[in-house]
Amino acid sequence: MFGALLFAAAMAPEIIAKDVDYRSGNEELRGYVAYPKNAKGHIPAVLIVHQWMGLTDYEKRRARQIAELGYVAFALDIYGKGVRPANTQEAGQLAGKYKGDRSAFRTKLHAGYMTMLTMPHVEPHQTAAIGYCFGGTGVLELARTGERALGFVSFHGGLDSLHPEEGAKIKGKVLVLHGADDPFVPKKDIDAFVSEMKTNHVNFRMVSYPGAVHSFTQKEAGNDNSKGAAYNADADAKSWVEMKGFLAGLFKK
């Protein structure tokens, strides 16, 4: 087992990872990029939209994992440089601000996406976006703007839309990875989302993981399902494999 771990570590490409300062209008933001050190020419790129605590070590770790798959990964910043909630109460207020103002949310999402397109090694016609919780909601909002990414992946994100007809603008494929027991995503939202996708002929797939609640990919959420948000190792592992296959299909890798 130890030998296998050493072999896997030896096979993983060396990664370059660093903070990236950029702007949305007059506001300064700080994201995080990771890519293979041996990258040559242009390669596919994946945008990462953070959960409600902002851009944290969690998203940075995911960015490095995606870079190990051979892609550029850029974790954007919705809240602003140096703006990070100190606790879940502050996180709720910040996330609520953008969920209540989808136009402002989309402006920040677009700024992050456009910043990624200008980065070295990024193939602008081979892009995707993924997001977690608040970020999963954001990824679907980005898709509804008609952004030309090939695919969008929402991990335990909100599915509601203020304007379901905007589903007609979605150009890429959509993958929703959902906790089957998530109390924060009511059945009416699921039904409305499925209807939006089908009515607008979107190429979408939704995978629900039994026993998983909200935040099932995040160890920071603890393991108490009764709180509505908790880590689920099985759902985490399976959803990551699902995402890898989805990206490989998009990028034909």
Protein backbone atom coordinates (compact mmCIF):
# COMPACT_ATOMS: atom_id res chain seq x y z
CA MET A 1 0.00 0.00 0.00
CA PHE A 2 2.81 2.38 0.93
CA GLY A 3 4.61 1.56 -2.30
CA ALA A 4 1.46 2.31 -4.30
CA LEU A 5 1.15 5.70 -2.61
CA LEU A 6 4.77 6.51 -3.42
CA PHE A 7 4.20 5.49 -7.03
CA ALA A 8 1.09 7.69 -7.27
CA ALA A 9 2.99 10.62 -5.78
CA ALA A 10 5.83 10.10 -8.24
CA MET A 11 3.38 10.01 -11.17
CA ALA A 12 1.61 13.25 -10.18
CA PRO A 13 2.92 16.18 -12.21
CA GLU A 14 4.68 19.03 -10.46
CA ILE A 15 2.28 21.93 -10.00
CA ILE A 16 2.78 25.66 -10.09
CA ALA A 17 0.22 27.41 -7.86
CA LYS A 18 -0.06 31.04 -6.83
CA ASP A 19 -2.42 33.87 -5.91
CA VAL A 20 -3.70 36.07 -8.72
CA ASP A 21 -4.92 39.63 -8.24
CA TYR A 22 -7.51 40.86 -10.73
CA ARG A 23 -10.43 43.27 -10.89
CA SER A 24 -14.16 43.39 -11.39
CA GLY A 25 -14.89 47.00 -12.29
CA ASN A 26 -13.19 49.06 -9.59
CA GLU A 27 -13.07 46.23 -7.06
CA GLU A 28 -9.89 44.30 -6.43
CA LEU A 29 -10.18 40.53 -6.12
CA ARG A 30 -7.71 37.78 -5.31
CA GLY A 31 -8.02 34.36 -6.93
CA TYR A 32 -5.72 31.34 -7.10
CA VAL A 33 -4.35 29.53 -10.14
CA ALA A 34 -2.73 26.10 -10.45
CA TYR A 35 -1.36 24.37 -13.52
CA PRO A 36 1.16 21.65 -14.45
CA LYS A 37 4.75 22.92 -14.44
CA ASN A 38 5.42 21.01 -17.65
CA ALA A 39 2.45 22.59 -19.46
CA LYS A 40 3.27 23.41 -23.07
CA GLY A 41 1.09 25.39 -25.42
CA HIS A 42 -2.59 25.72 -24.58
CA ILE A 43 -4.51 23.26 -22.38
CA PRO A 44 -8.09 23.05 -21.05
CA ALA A 45 -9.02 25.23 -18.08
CA VAL A 46 -11.47 24.83 -15.20
CA LEU A 47 -12.97 27.70 -13.23
CA ILE A 48 -13.71 26.99 -9.54
CA VAL A 49 -16.40 28.93 -7.66
CA HIS A 50 -16.04 28.84 -3.88
CA GLN A 51 -18.51 27.95 -1.15
CA TRP A 52 -19.98 30.52 1.21
CA MET A 53 -16.83 30.95 3.33
CA GLY A 54 -15.06 32.47 0.33
CA LEU A 55 -11.88 31.33 -1.36
CA THR A 56 -10.19 29.11 1.22
CA ASP A 57 -7.60 26.35 1.42
CA TYR A 58 -10.37 23.98 0.35
CA GLU A 59 -10.70 25.52 -3.12
CA LYS A 60 -6.93 25.84 -3.41
CA ARG A 61 -6.58 22.12 -2.76
CA ARG A 62 -9.21 21.37 -5.40
CA ALA A 63 -7.38 23.65 -7.84
CA ARG A 64 -4.16 21.69 -7.33
CA GLN A 65 -6.01 18.40 -7.76
CA ILE A 66 -7.48 19.59 -11.05
CA ALA A 67 -4.06 20.82 -12.19
CA GLU A 68 -2.76 17.30 -11.52
CA LEU A 69 -5.29 16.10 -14.10
CA GLY A 70 -3.47 18.20 -16.69
CA TYR A 71 -5.65 21.31 -16.69
CA VAL A 72 -5.28 24.93 -15.66
CA ALA A 73 -7.48 25.55 -12.60
CA PHE A 74 -8.51 29.03 -11.51
CA ALA A 75 -10.37 29.56 -8.24
CA LEU A 76 -12.09 32.94 -8.47
CA ASP A 77 -13.03 35.36 -5.71
CA ILE A 78 -16.59 36.64 -5.37
CA TYR A 79 -16.27 38.61 -2.12
CA GLY A 80 -13.21 40.80 -2.78
CA LYS A 81 -9.53 40.82 -1.85
CA GLY A 82 -9.15 40.41 1.89
CA VAL A 83 -12.90 39.96 2.41
CA ARG A 84 -13.39 36.63 4.14
CA PRO A 85 -16.16 35.79 6.60
CA ALA A 86 -14.97 35.05 10.12
CA ASN A 87 -17.84 32.67 10.85
CA THR A 88 -20.94 31.11 9.32
CA GLN A 89 -23.09 34.08 10.32
CA GLU A 90 -20.94 36.43 8.27
CA ALA A 91 -20.78 33.85 5.49
CA GLY A 92 -24.55 33.72 5.38
CA GLN A 93 -24.73 37.50 5.07
CA LEU A 94 -22.17 37.66 2.26
CA ALA A 95 -23.61 34.73 0.34
CA GLY A 96 -27.11 36.10 0.87
CA LYS A 97 -26.06 39.42 -0.63
CA TYR A 98 -25.15 37.76 -3.92
CA LYS A 99 -28.00 35.26 -3.93
CA GLY A 100 -30.32 38.22 -3.51
CA ASP A 101 -28.63 40.18 -6.28
CA ARG A 102 -28.00 37.71 -9.09
CA SER A 103 -26.84 40.50 -11.40
CA ALA A 104 -23.97 41.40 -9.03
CA PHE A 105 -23.23 37.69 -8.61
CA ARG A 106 -23.03 37.21 -12.37
CA THR A 107 -20.76 40.23 -12.77
CA LYS A 108 -18.22 38.68 -10.38
CA LEU A 109 -18.56 35.27 -12.03
CA HIS A 110 -17.97 36.78 -15.47
CA ALA A 111 -14.93 38.70 -14.23
CA GLY A 112 -13.40 35.50 -12.92
CA TYR A 113 -14.14 33.59 -16.09
CA MET A 114 -12.71 36.29 -18.36
CA THR A 115 -9.61 36.55 -16.18
CA MET A 116 -9.04 32.81 -16.57
CA LEU A 117 -9.29 33.08 -20.35
CA THR A 118 -6.35 35.51 -20.44
CA MET A 119 -4.01 33.29 -18.41
CA PRO A 120 -0.96 31.58 -19.89
CA HIS A 121 -1.56 28.06 -21.25
CA VAL A 122 -5.37 28.43 -21.26
CA GLU A 123 -7.12 27.15 -24.35
CA PRO A 124 -10.13 29.53 -24.43
CA HIS A 125 -12.28 27.10 -26.41
CA GLN A 126 -11.73 24.27 -23.91
CA THR A 127 -13.13 25.50 -20.61
CA ALA A 128 -15.48 24.34 -17.87
CA ALA A 129 -16.67 25.64 -14.50
CA ILE A 130 -17.30 23.83 -11.22
CA GLY A 131 -18.63 25.13 -7.91
CA TYR A 132 -19.40 24.05 -4.36
CA CYS A 133 -22.55 24.94 -2.37
CA PHE A 134 -22.85 28.73 -2.90
CA GLY A 135 -20.44 28.19 -5.78
CA GLY A 136 -22.62 25.44 -7.19
CA THR A 137 -25.42 27.98 -7.37
CA GLY A 138 -22.97 30.37 -9.01
CA VAL A 139 -21.92 27.89 -11.68
CA LEU A 140 -25.53 27.47 -12.77
CA GLU A 141 -25.98 31.25 -12.80
CA LEU A 142 -22.90 31.52 -15.02
CA ALA A 143 -24.37 28.92 -17.36
CA ARG A 144 -27.64 30.84 -17.57
CA THR A 145 -25.79 33.93 -18.80
CA GLY A 146 -24.83 32.06 -21.96
CA GLU A 147 -21.12 31.89 -21.12
CA ARG A 148 -19.39 29.69 -23.68
CA ALA A 149 -17.82 27.11 -21.40
CA LEU A 150 -18.25 23.54 -22.59
CA GLY A 151 -19.60 22.32 -19.26
CA PHE A 152 -20.77 23.32 -15.79
CA VAL A 153 -20.61 21.17 -12.64
CA SER A 154 -22.51 21.97 -9.45
CA PHE A 155 -21.52 20.14 -6.24
CA HIS A 156 -24.31 20.32 -3.63
CA GLY A 157 -25.40 23.71 -4.96
CA GLY A 158 -28.73 25.50 -4.96
CA LEU A 159 -30.84 24.85 -8.06
CA ASP A 160 -33.36 27.67 -7.93
CA SER A 161 -33.66 30.23 -10.71
CA LEU A 162 -35.44 33.57 -10.63
CA HIS A 163 -35.88 33.38 -14.40
CA PRO A 164 -36.20 29.76 -15.60
CA GLU A 165 -36.56 30.92 -19.19
CA GLU A 166 -32.88 31.83 -19.06
CA GLY A 167 -32.16 28.14 -19.30
CA ALA A 168 -32.49 28.69 -23.04
CA LYS A 169 -29.16 30.57 -22.95
CA ILE A 170 -27.20 27.59 -21.63
CA LYS A 171 -24.72 26.45 -24.26
CA GLY A 172 -22.65 23.86 -22.41
CA LYS A 173 -23.47 20.55 -20.74
CA VAL A 174 -24.61 20.61 -17.13
CA LEU A 175 -23.78 18.09 -14.39
CA VAL A 176 -25.42 18.39 -10.96
CA LEU A 177 -23.96 16.31 -8.12
CA HIS A 178 -26.50 16.34 -5.32
CA GLY A 179 -26.95 14.94 -1.84
CA ALA A 180 -30.17 12.91 -1.94
CA ASP A 181 -30.95 13.94 1.66
CA ASP A 182 -29.95 17.60 1.33
CA PRO A 183 -32.57 19.55 3.35
CA PHE A 184 -31.51 22.88 1.85
CA VAL A 185 -32.56 21.96 -1.67
CA PRO A 186 -36.33 21.28 -1.54
CA LYS A 187 -38.08 18.96 -3.97
CA LYS A 188 -39.84 21.92 -5.60
CA ASP A 189 -36.46 23.37 -6.57
CA ILE A 190 -35.32 20.05 -7.99
CA ASP A 191 -38.54 19.67 -9.98
CA ALA A 192 -38.29 23.26 -11.26
CA PHE A 193 -34.65 22.76 -12.25
CA VAL A 194 -35.37 19.54 -14.14
CA SER A 195 -38.28 21.25 -15.88
CA GLU A 196 -36.05 24.22 -16.79
CA MET A 197 -33.41 21.93 -18.29
CA LYS A 198 -35.88 19.80 -20.25
CA THR A 199 -38.00 22.71 -21.46
CA ASN A 200 -34.92 24.45 -22.80
CA HIS A 201 -33.36 21.26 -24.23
CA VAL A 202 -30.23 21.51 -22.12
CA ASN A 203 -27.87 18.53 -22.13
CA PHE A 204 -27.87 17.82 -18.40
CA ARG A 205 -27.39 15.01 -15.91
CA MET A 206 -28.21 14.95 -12.21
CA VAL A 207 -26.65 12.39 -9.87
CA SER A 208 -28.03 12.03 -6.33
CA TYR A 209 -26.03 10.30 -3.60
CA PRO A 210 -28.10 8.39 -1.00
CA GLY A 211 -27.38 9.32 2.60
CA ALA A 212 -25.57 12.52 1.60
CA VAL A 213 -26.69 15.95 2.79
CA HIS A 214 -25.42 19.44 1.99
CA SER A 215 -21.62 20.04 1.82
CA PHE A 216 -20.91 16.33 1.34
CA THR A 217 -17.49 17.00 -0.24
CA GLN A 218 -16.19 19.14 2.64
CA LYS A 219 -14.59 17.57 5.70
CA GLU A 220 -14.90 20.95 7.40
CA ALA A 221 -18.66 20.33 7.60
CA GLY A 222 -18.22 17.55 10.17
CA ASN A 223 -20.10 14.25 10.13
CA ASP A 224 -23.46 14.99 11.75
CA ASN A 225 -26.15 14.63 9.09
CA SER A 226 -28.76 16.02 11.48
CA LYS A 227 -27.26 19.47 10.98
CA GLY A 228 -28.18 19.33 7.30
CA ALA A 229 -24.58 19.77 6.17
CA ALA A 230 -21.98 17.04 6.67
CA TYR A 231 -19.08 15.30 4.97
CA ASN A 232 -19.74 11.99 3.23
CA ALA A 233 -16.56 10.23 2.11
CA ASP A 234 -18.34 7.89 -0.29
CA ALA A 235 -20.27 10.68 -2.03
CA ASP A 236 -17.14 12.84 -2.10
CA ALA A 237 -15.10 10.15 -3.83
CA LYS A 238 -17.84 9.16 -6.28
CA SER A 239 -18.70 12.74 -7.22
CA TRP A 240 -15.03 13.51 -7.91
CA VAL A 241 -14.81 10.50 -10.24
CA GLU A 242 -18.04 11.66 -11.91
CA MET A 243 -16.58 15.11 -12.45
CA LYS A 244 -13.31 13.73 -13.84
CA GLY A 245 -15.18 11.65 -16.38
CA PHE A 246 -17.34 14.62 -17.31
CA LEU A 247 -14.30 16.85 -17.90
CA ALA A 248 -12.50 14.16 -19.86
CA GLY A 249 -15.54 13.84 -22.11
CA LEU A 250 -15.71 17.60 -22.64
CA PHE A 251 -12.02 17.91 -23.38
CA LYS A 252 -11.66 14.52 -25.09
CA LYS A 253 -8.76 13.69 -22.79
